[in-house]
Amino acid sequence: MSYPTSMAINGKSYAKSVEPRTLLVHFIREECGLTGTHVGCDTSNCGACTVLLDGDAVKSCTVLAVQANNRQVTTVEGLANEDGVFSPVQEGFRQEHGLQCGYCTPGMLMAATALLKETPKPTEEEIRQNLEGNLCRCTGYEMIVRSVQWAADNPDGVPVAIGESS
């Protein structure tokens, strides 16, 4: 049995019939073709699948697609402006080299975006506390924390379009 499910993802409407056990992360990736949201552990430990659901950061491996019915979802693909200009958080990760392999980056970006929406000028401790549900095996978190601090200090970002360099 499948259920009709519809939601807005990055401002675009998606309507599909899904099995009741379909996870939001699989709906996003497989049904909608938005592969920026990563599947890391399927146990909610790593945070690679973090998206914004009605503006709140959630691990999309813990949410059923039917639970997101008639709601707003933002994925990492939805962070940049329509003209390709990075969000302040994306630009912060670029400026401060907040990634290495990049696998955790989408989840980190989404968690940081949610944090800065709620707390525009977080302390280092608040940043670390907010990101503790997102695992990175490469960076040691220093550059990630600096990236979020950069975004907090530069809420308008630096207008660099995707594919351009400064």
N, C-alpha and C. Protein backbone atom coordinates (compact mmCIF):
# COMPACT_ATOMS: atom_id res chain seq x y z
N MET A 1 0.85 -1.18 0.00
CA MET A 1 0.00 0.00 0.00
C MET A 1 0.89 1.24 0.00
N SER A 2 0.55 2.20 -0.80
CA SER A 2 1.31 3.45 -0.82
C SER A 2 0.38 4.62 -0.52
N TYR A 3 1.01 5.71 -0.08
CA TYR A 3 0.26 6.89 0.33
C TYR A 3 0.70 8.09 -0.51
N PRO A 4 -0.26 8.88 -0.97
CA PRO A 4 0.13 10.11 -1.68
C PRO A 4 0.81 11.07 -0.71
N THR A 5 1.95 11.56 -1.14
CA THR A 5 2.73 12.47 -0.29
C THR A 5 3.16 13.64 -1.14
N SER A 6 2.98 14.84 -0.61
CA SER A 6 3.43 16.01 -1.34
C SER A 6 4.08 16.97 -0.37
N MET A 7 5.14 17.59 -0.87
CA MET A 7 5.87 18.55 -0.05
C MET A 7 6.60 19.51 -0.97
N ALA A 8 7.00 20.63 -0.42
CA ALA A 8 7.83 21.57 -1.17
C ALA A 8 9.27 21.34 -0.72
N ILE A 9 10.13 21.05 -1.68
CA ILE A 9 11.54 20.87 -1.39
C ILE A 9 12.29 21.97 -2.14
N ASN A 10 12.97 22.80 -1.40
CA ASN A 10 13.70 23.94 -1.97
C ASN A 10 12.78 24.81 -2.83
N GLY A 11 11.53 24.93 -2.39
CA GLY A 11 10.56 25.78 -3.08
C GLY A 11 9.85 25.13 -4.26
N LYS A 12 10.19 23.91 -4.59
CA LYS A 12 9.55 23.21 -5.71
C LYS A 12 8.65 22.11 -5.15
N SER A 13 7.46 21.99 -5.71
CA SER A 13 6.50 20.99 -5.23
C SER A 13 6.83 19.61 -5.79
N TYR A 14 6.74 18.64 -4.91
CA TYR A 14 6.92 17.24 -5.28
C TYR A 14 5.73 16.47 -4.74
N ALA A 15 5.10 15.66 -5.58
CA ALA A 15 3.98 14.82 -5.17
C ALA A 15 4.23 13.42 -5.71
N LYS A 16 4.30 12.48 -4.81
CA LYS A 16 4.57 11.08 -5.17
C LYS A 16 3.79 10.18 -4.24
N SER A 17 3.52 8.97 -4.67
CA SER A 17 2.98 7.96 -3.77
C SER A 17 4.15 7.17 -3.22
N VAL A 18 4.14 6.99 -1.90
CA VAL A 18 5.27 6.31 -1.26
C VAL A 18 4.77 5.22 -0.31
N GLU A 19 5.62 4.25 -0.09
CA GLU A 19 5.36 3.24 0.93
C GLU A 19 5.39 3.93 2.29
N PRO A 20 4.60 3.51 3.23
CA PRO A 20 4.56 4.19 4.53
C PRO A 20 5.89 4.18 5.28
N ARG A 21 6.77 3.24 4.97
CA ARG A 21 8.05 3.15 5.67
C ARG A 21 9.18 3.90 4.98
N THR A 22 8.87 4.59 3.88
CA THR A 22 9.90 5.34 3.14
C THR A 22 10.44 6.49 3.98
N LEU A 23 11.73 6.49 4.17
CA LEU A 23 12.37 7.57 4.93
C LEU A 23 12.47 8.83 4.07
N LEU A 24 12.42 9.97 4.73
CA LEU A 24 12.52 11.24 4.02
C LEU A 24 13.81 11.31 3.21
N VAL A 25 14.93 10.84 3.77
CA VAL A 25 16.20 10.88 3.04
C VAL A 25 16.11 10.11 1.72
N HIS A 26 15.43 8.97 1.72
CA HIS A 26 15.29 8.19 0.49
C HIS A 26 14.31 8.85 -0.48
N PHE A 27 13.27 9.48 0.05
CA PHE A 27 12.35 10.22 -0.80
C PHE A 27 13.09 11.34 -1.52
N ILE A 28 13.88 12.09 -0.76
CA ILE A 28 14.63 13.22 -1.32
C ILE A 28 15.59 12.74 -2.40
N ARG A 29 16.36 11.71 -2.10
CA ARG A 29 17.39 11.24 -3.02
C ARG A 29 16.82 10.45 -4.20
N GLU A 30 15.97 9.48 -3.91
CA GLU A 30 15.53 8.54 -4.94
C GLU A 30 14.30 9.01 -5.71
N GLU A 31 13.37 9.61 -5.04
CA GLU A 31 12.14 10.04 -5.71
C GLU A 31 12.29 11.43 -6.34
N CYS A 32 13.09 12.28 -5.72
CA CYS A 32 13.21 13.66 -6.20
C CYS A 32 14.55 13.93 -6.90
N GLY A 33 15.49 13.00 -6.80
CA GLY A 33 16.77 13.15 -7.48
C GLY A 33 17.70 14.19 -6.88
N LEU A 34 17.48 14.56 -5.63
CA LEU A 34 18.33 15.55 -4.95
C LEU A 34 19.34 14.80 -4.10
N THR A 35 20.50 14.57 -4.64
CA THR A 35 21.47 13.68 -4.01
C THR A 35 22.49 14.40 -3.12
N GLY A 36 22.31 15.68 -2.88
CA GLY A 36 23.20 16.40 -1.98
C GLY A 36 23.05 15.96 -0.54
N THR A 37 21.86 15.50 -0.17
CA THR A 37 21.62 14.98 1.17
C THR A 37 22.19 13.57 1.20
N HIS A 38 23.16 13.34 2.08
CA HIS A 38 23.86 12.06 2.09
C HIS A 38 23.25 11.07 3.08
N VAL A 39 23.34 9.81 2.74
CA VAL A 39 22.99 8.72 3.65
C VAL A 39 24.30 8.26 4.24
N GLY A 40 24.45 8.45 5.55
CA GLY A 40 25.71 8.10 6.16
C GLY A 40 25.65 6.83 6.97
N CYS A 41 24.72 6.74 7.90
CA CYS A 41 24.75 5.63 8.84
C CYS A 41 23.41 4.93 8.98
N ASP A 42 22.32 5.55 8.58
CA ASP A 42 20.96 5.02 8.76
C ASP A 42 20.60 4.76 10.22
N THR A 43 21.33 5.37 11.13
CA THR A 43 21.03 5.19 12.56
C THR A 43 20.88 6.52 13.29
N SER A 44 20.95 7.61 12.60
CA SER A 44 20.84 8.98 13.12
C SER A 44 22.07 9.42 13.90
N ASN A 45 23.16 8.70 13.80
CA ASN A 45 24.37 9.06 14.54
C ASN A 45 25.25 10.08 13.83
N CYS A 46 25.25 10.09 12.48
CA CYS A 46 26.27 10.88 11.79
C CYS A 46 25.82 12.28 11.37
N GLY A 47 24.54 12.48 11.10
CA GLY A 47 24.05 13.79 10.70
C GLY A 47 24.25 14.16 9.25
N ALA A 48 24.81 13.26 8.43
CA ALA A 48 25.05 13.58 7.02
C ALA A 48 23.75 13.84 6.26
N CYS A 49 22.64 13.35 6.79
CA CYS A 49 21.35 13.48 6.12
C CYS A 49 20.53 14.67 6.62
N THR A 50 21.13 15.56 7.39
CA THR A 50 20.39 16.67 7.98
C THR A 50 19.80 17.58 6.91
N VAL A 51 18.53 17.90 7.07
CA VAL A 51 17.81 18.84 6.21
C VAL A 51 17.03 19.78 7.14
N LEU A 52 16.44 20.80 6.57
CA LEU A 52 15.55 21.67 7.34
C LEU A 52 14.11 21.27 7.01
N LEU A 53 13.35 21.00 8.04
CA LEU A 53 11.93 20.67 7.90
C LEU A 53 11.16 21.78 8.57
N ASP A 54 10.48 22.58 7.77
CA ASP A 54 9.81 23.78 8.26
C ASP A 54 10.78 24.66 9.03
N GLY A 55 12.02 24.69 8.58
CA GLY A 55 13.04 25.56 9.15
C GLY A 55 13.86 24.96 10.28
N ASP A 56 13.46 23.79 10.77
CA ASP A 56 14.19 23.14 11.86
C ASP A 56 15.08 22.04 11.30
N ALA A 57 16.30 21.94 11.84
CA ALA A 57 17.22 20.89 11.41
C ALA A 57 16.72 19.54 11.93
N VAL A 58 16.60 18.58 11.01
CA VAL A 58 16.22 17.22 11.37
C VAL A 58 17.11 16.25 10.60
N LYS A 59 17.31 15.11 11.18
CA LYS A 59 18.03 14.04 10.47
C LYS A 59 16.99 13.30 9.64
N SER A 60 17.11 13.41 8.34
CA SER A 60 16.06 12.89 7.46
C SER A 60 16.00 11.37 7.43
N CYS A 61 16.96 10.70 8.08
CA CYS A 61 16.87 9.24 8.21
C CYS A 61 15.98 8.85 9.39
N THR A 62 15.49 9.83 10.14
CA THR A 62 14.62 9.54 11.28
C THR A 62 13.19 10.03 11.05
N VAL A 63 12.94 10.57 9.85
CA VAL A 63 11.62 11.11 9.53
C VAL A 63 11.06 10.32 8.35
N LEU A 64 9.83 9.89 8.47
CA LEU A 64 9.18 9.23 7.35
C LEU A 64 8.74 10.28 6.34
N ALA A 65 8.76 9.94 5.08
CA ALA A 65 8.32 10.88 4.05
C ALA A 65 6.89 11.33 4.29
N VAL A 66 6.03 10.42 4.74
CA VAL A 66 4.63 10.80 4.98
C VAL A 66 4.51 11.81 6.13
N GLN A 67 5.49 11.84 7.03
CA GLN A 67 5.47 12.83 8.11
C GLN A 67 5.80 14.23 7.59
N ALA A 68 6.42 14.31 6.43
CA ALA A 68 6.75 15.60 5.83
C ALA A 68 5.67 16.05 4.85
N ASN A 69 4.57 15.32 4.78
CA ASN A 69 3.48 15.68 3.88
C ASN A 69 2.98 17.09 4.16
N ASN A 70 2.85 17.88 3.10
CA ASN A 70 2.38 19.27 3.18
C ASN A 70 3.30 20.19 3.99
N ARG A 71 4.58 19.86 4.01
CA ARG A 71 5.55 20.67 4.76
C ARG A 71 6.62 21.18 3.81
N GLN A 72 7.47 22.06 4.36
CA GLN A 72 8.57 22.67 3.61
C GLN A 72 9.88 22.00 3.99
N VAL A 73 10.62 21.54 3.00
CA VAL A 73 11.91 20.91 3.22
C VAL A 73 12.97 21.72 2.47
N THR A 74 14.07 21.96 3.14
CA THR A 74 15.21 22.60 2.47
C THR A 74 16.38 21.63 2.57
N THR A 75 16.98 21.36 1.43
CA THR A 75 18.17 20.51 1.37
C THR A 75 19.36 21.40 1.06
N VAL A 76 20.53 20.82 1.04
CA VAL A 76 21.75 21.58 0.75
C VAL A 76 21.66 22.25 -0.62
N GLU A 77 20.95 21.63 -1.56
CA GLU A 77 20.79 22.24 -2.88
C GLU A 77 20.01 23.55 -2.82
N GLY A 78 19.25 23.74 -1.76
CA GLY A 78 18.43 24.94 -1.62
C GLY A 78 19.10 26.08 -0.87
N LEU A 79 20.36 25.92 -0.48
CA LEU A 79 21.03 26.98 0.29
C LEU A 79 21.50 28.14 -0.58
N ALA A 80 22.06 27.85 -1.74
CA ALA A 80 22.55 28.93 -2.61
C ALA A 80 21.37 29.70 -3.19
N ASN A 81 21.59 30.96 -3.50
CA ASN A 81 20.55 31.77 -4.15
C ASN A 81 20.25 31.21 -5.54
N GLU A 82 19.14 31.62 -6.11
CA GLU A 82 18.78 31.15 -7.45
C GLU A 82 19.83 31.50 -8.50
N ASP A 83 20.57 32.60 -8.27
CA ASP A 83 21.61 32.98 -9.22
C ASP A 83 22.94 32.30 -8.94
N GLY A 84 22.94 31.34 -8.00
CA GLY A 84 24.15 30.57 -7.73
C GLY A 84 25.06 31.15 -6.68
N VAL A 85 24.69 32.27 -6.07
CA VAL A 85 25.53 32.87 -5.03
C VAL A 85 25.39 32.03 -3.75
N PHE A 86 26.53 31.67 -3.18
CA PHE A 86 26.54 30.86 -1.96
C PHE A 86 25.84 31.57 -0.82
N SER A 87 25.24 30.78 0.06
CA SER A 87 24.72 31.32 1.32
C SER A 87 25.92 31.68 2.19
N PRO A 88 25.73 32.50 3.22
CA PRO A 88 26.85 32.82 4.11
C PRO A 88 27.51 31.58 4.72
N VAL A 89 26.73 30.58 5.04
CA VAL A 89 27.32 29.37 5.62
C VAL A 89 28.17 28.64 4.58
N GLN A 90 27.67 28.51 3.37
CA GLN A 90 28.46 27.87 2.32
C GLN A 90 29.74 28.66 2.07
N GLU A 91 29.61 29.97 2.01
CA GLU A 91 30.79 30.80 1.78
C GLU A 91 31.76 30.69 2.95
N GLY A 92 31.24 30.59 4.18
CA GLY A 92 32.11 30.40 5.33
C GLY A 92 32.92 29.12 5.22
N PHE A 93 32.29 28.04 4.78
CA PHE A 93 33.01 26.79 4.60
C PHE A 93 34.07 26.92 3.50
N ARG A 94 33.79 27.72 2.49
CA ARG A 94 34.77 27.95 1.43
C ARG A 94 35.92 28.81 1.94
N GLN A 95 35.58 29.88 2.63
CA GLN A 95 36.60 30.82 3.11
C GLN A 95 37.52 30.19 4.16
N GLU A 96 36.95 29.38 5.03
CA GLU A 96 37.70 28.83 6.17
C GLU A 96 38.09 27.37 5.98
N HIS A 97 37.90 26.84 4.78
CA HIS A 97 38.31 25.46 4.45
C HIS A 97 37.67 24.46 5.42
N GLY A 98 36.35 24.56 5.56
CA GLY A 98 35.63 23.75 6.52
C GLY A 98 35.27 22.35 6.05
N LEU A 99 35.96 21.86 5.04
CA LEU A 99 35.67 20.50 4.61
C LEU A 99 36.94 19.85 4.08
N GLN A 100 36.92 18.54 4.13
CA GLN A 100 38.00 17.79 3.50
C GLN A 100 37.37 16.83 2.51
N CYS A 101 36.91 15.68 2.96
CA CYS A 101 36.33 14.74 2.00
C CYS A 101 34.97 15.22 1.53
N GLY A 102 34.26 15.99 2.36
CA GLY A 102 32.98 16.56 1.98
C GLY A 102 31.76 15.73 2.30
N TYR A 103 31.94 14.52 2.80
CA TYR A 103 30.78 13.67 3.03
C TYR A 103 29.85 14.23 4.09
N CYS A 104 30.39 14.78 5.14
CA CYS A 104 29.57 15.33 6.22
C CYS A 104 29.08 16.74 5.92
N THR A 105 29.67 17.37 4.91
CA THR A 105 29.44 18.79 4.67
C THR A 105 27.98 19.17 4.49
N PRO A 106 27.17 18.46 3.70
CA PRO A 106 25.77 18.88 3.58
C PRO A 106 25.05 18.94 4.93
N GLY A 107 25.26 17.94 5.77
CA GLY A 107 24.63 17.94 7.09
C GLY A 107 25.16 19.06 7.98
N MET A 108 26.47 19.29 7.91
CA MET A 108 27.06 20.39 8.68
C MET A 108 26.49 21.73 8.23
N LEU A 109 26.38 21.93 6.92
CA LEU A 109 25.84 23.18 6.39
C LEU A 109 24.40 23.40 6.86
N MET A 110 23.61 22.34 6.85
CA MET A 110 22.21 22.48 7.23
C MET A 110 22.08 22.74 8.73
N ALA A 111 22.86 22.03 9.54
CA ALA A 111 22.81 22.26 10.99
C ALA A 111 23.28 23.67 11.33
N ALA A 112 24.33 24.13 10.65
CA ALA A 112 24.84 25.48 10.90
C ALA A 112 23.83 26.54 10.46
N THR A 113 23.16 26.30 9.35
CA THR A 113 22.14 27.23 8.86
C THR A 113 21.02 27.37 9.88
N ALA A 114 20.57 26.25 10.43
CA ALA A 114 19.51 26.28 11.44
C ALA A 114 19.98 27.01 12.70
N LEU A 115 21.22 26.75 13.10
CA LEU A 115 21.77 27.41 14.28
C LEU A 115 21.78 28.92 14.10
N LEU A 116 22.30 29.39 12.96
CA LEU A 116 22.42 30.84 12.74
C LEU A 116 21.07 31.51 12.58
N LYS A 117 20.07 30.77 12.16
CA LYS A 117 18.71 31.33 12.10
C LYS A 117 18.20 31.61 13.51
N GLU A 118 18.48 30.70 14.44
CA GLU A 118 18.03 30.83 15.82
C GLU A 118 18.95 31.70 16.66
N THR A 119 20.26 31.60 16.40
CA THR A 119 21.27 32.30 17.19
C THR A 119 22.25 32.95 16.22
N PRO A 120 21.96 34.17 15.78
CA PRO A 120 22.80 34.81 14.74
C PRO A 120 24.26 35.02 15.13
N LYS A 121 24.54 35.17 16.41
CA LYS A 121 25.92 35.38 16.88
C LYS A 121 26.28 34.35 17.95
N PRO A 122 26.40 33.08 17.55
CA PRO A 122 26.67 32.05 18.55
C PRO A 122 28.11 32.11 19.05
N THR A 123 28.29 31.65 20.27
CA THR A 123 29.63 31.51 20.81
C THR A 123 30.24 30.24 20.22
N GLU A 124 31.54 30.10 20.40
CA GLU A 124 32.20 28.87 19.93
C GLU A 124 31.57 27.65 20.61
N GLU A 125 31.29 27.75 21.88
CA GLU A 125 30.66 26.64 22.60
C GLU A 125 29.29 26.30 22.02
N GLU A 126 28.50 27.32 21.69
CA GLU A 126 27.18 27.07 21.10
C GLU A 126 27.31 26.40 19.74
N ILE A 127 28.29 26.81 18.96
CA ILE A 127 28.51 26.18 17.66
C ILE A 127 28.86 24.71 17.86
N ARG A 128 29.82 24.45 18.72
CA ARG A 128 30.24 23.07 18.97
C ARG A 128 29.09 22.22 19.49
N GLN A 129 28.30 22.77 20.39
CA GLN A 129 27.18 22.04 20.96
C GLN A 129 26.14 21.74 19.87
N ASN A 130 25.88 22.71 19.01
CA ASN A 130 24.89 22.52 17.96
C ASN A 130 25.34 21.48 16.93
N LEU A 131 26.62 21.41 16.66
CA LEU A 131 27.13 20.50 15.64
C LEU A 131 27.48 19.12 16.19
N GLU A 132 27.31 18.90 17.49
CA GLU A 132 27.76 17.63 18.05
C GLU A 132 27.01 16.42 17.52
N GLY A 133 25.86 16.60 16.92
CA GLY A 133 25.13 15.49 16.31
C GLY A 133 25.55 15.20 14.89
N ASN A 134 26.57 15.91 14.40
CA ASN A 134 27.08 15.71 13.06
C ASN A 134 28.54 15.27 13.16
N LEU A 135 28.83 14.11 12.64
CA LEU A 135 30.18 13.55 12.75
C LEU A 135 31.01 13.87 11.51
N CYS A 136 32.26 14.21 11.77
CA CYS A 136 33.25 14.40 10.71
C CYS A 136 34.46 13.57 11.09
N ARG A 137 34.91 12.75 10.19
CA ARG A 137 36.06 11.89 10.47
C ARG A 137 37.36 12.47 9.92
N CYS A 138 37.28 13.63 9.28
CA CYS A 138 38.47 14.17 8.61
C CYS A 138 39.06 15.42 9.26
N THR A 139 38.23 16.36 9.70
CA THR A 139 38.73 17.70 9.97
C THR A 139 39.13 18.01 11.39
N GLY A 140 38.63 17.29 12.35
CA GLY A 140 38.88 17.67 13.74
C GLY A 140 38.02 18.85 14.17
N TYR A 141 37.12 19.29 13.34
CA TYR A 141 36.09 20.30 13.64
C TYR A 141 36.59 21.74 13.74
N GLU A 142 37.86 21.97 13.88
CA GLU A 142 38.36 23.35 14.05
C GLU A 142 37.95 24.23 12.88
N MET A 143 38.20 23.78 11.68
CA MET A 143 37.87 24.57 10.49
C MET A 143 36.35 24.70 10.32
N ILE A 144 35.61 23.68 10.73
CA ILE A 144 34.15 23.74 10.64
C ILE A 144 33.63 24.82 11.58
N VAL A 145 34.13 24.84 12.80
CA VAL A 145 33.71 25.86 13.77
C VAL A 145 34.07 27.24 13.24
N ARG A 146 35.27 27.39 12.70
CA ARG A 146 35.68 28.69 12.15
C ARG A 146 34.80 29.09 10.97
N SER A 147 34.35 28.11 10.20
CA SER A 147 33.47 28.38 9.06
C SER A 147 32.14 28.95 9.52
N VAL A 148 31.59 28.38 10.59
CA VAL A 148 30.32 28.86 11.13
C VAL A 148 30.52 30.24 11.74
N GLN A 149 31.64 30.43 12.42
CA GLN A 149 31.94 31.76 12.98
C GLN A 149 32.06 32.79 11.86
N TRP A 150 32.68 32.42 10.75
CA TRP A 150 32.81 33.34 9.61
C TRP A 150 31.42 33.73 9.12
N ALA A 151 30.54 32.74 8.99
CA ALA A 151 29.18 33.02 8.52
C ALA A 151 28.43 33.94 9.49
N ALA A 152 28.62 33.73 10.78
CA ALA A 152 27.98 34.59 11.79
C ALA A 152 28.50 36.02 11.69
N ASP A 153 29.79 36.16 11.40
CA ASP A 153 30.40 37.48 11.29
C ASP A 153 30.14 38.15 9.94
N ASN A 154 29.68 37.39 8.96
CA ASN A 154 29.43 37.89 7.61
C ASN A 154 28.06 37.43 7.13
N PRO A 155 26.98 37.88 7.78
CA PRO A 155 25.65 37.38 7.44
C PRO A 155 25.20 37.68 6.01
N ASP A 156 25.86 38.63 5.36
CA ASP A 156 25.54 38.89 3.97
C ASP A 156 26.43 38.10 3.03
N GLY A 157 27.42 37.42 3.59
CA GLY A 157 28.32 36.60 2.79
C GLY A 157 29.16 37.45 1.85
N VAL A 158 29.84 36.77 0.99
CA VAL A 158 30.62 37.40 -0.07
C VAL A 158 30.02 36.90 -1.36
N PRO A 159 29.52 37.78 -2.20
CA PRO A 159 28.80 37.31 -3.39
C PRO A 159 29.70 36.65 -4.43
N VAL A 160 29.93 35.37 -4.26
CA VAL A 160 30.67 34.58 -5.23
C VAL A 160 29.71 33.52 -5.74
N ALA A 161 29.50 33.47 -7.04
CA ALA A 161 28.59 32.50 -7.62
C ALA A 161 29.28 31.14 -7.70
N ILE A 162 28.48 30.09 -7.66
CA ILE A 162 29.00 28.74 -7.81
C ILE A 162 29.77 28.65 -9.11
N GLY A 163 30.96 28.09 -9.05
CA GLY A 163 31.79 27.94 -10.24
C GLY A 163 32.75 29.08 -10.45
N GLU A 164 32.62 30.17 -9.69
CA GLU A 164 33.53 31.29 -9.78
C GLU A 164 34.52 31.23 -8.64
N SER A 165 35.60 31.93 -8.74
CA SER A 165 36.53 32.04 -7.63
C SER A 165 36.72 33.51 -7.31
N SER A 166 37.11 33.78 -6.07
CA SER A 166 37.27 35.18 -5.68
C SER A 166 38.67 35.65 -5.85
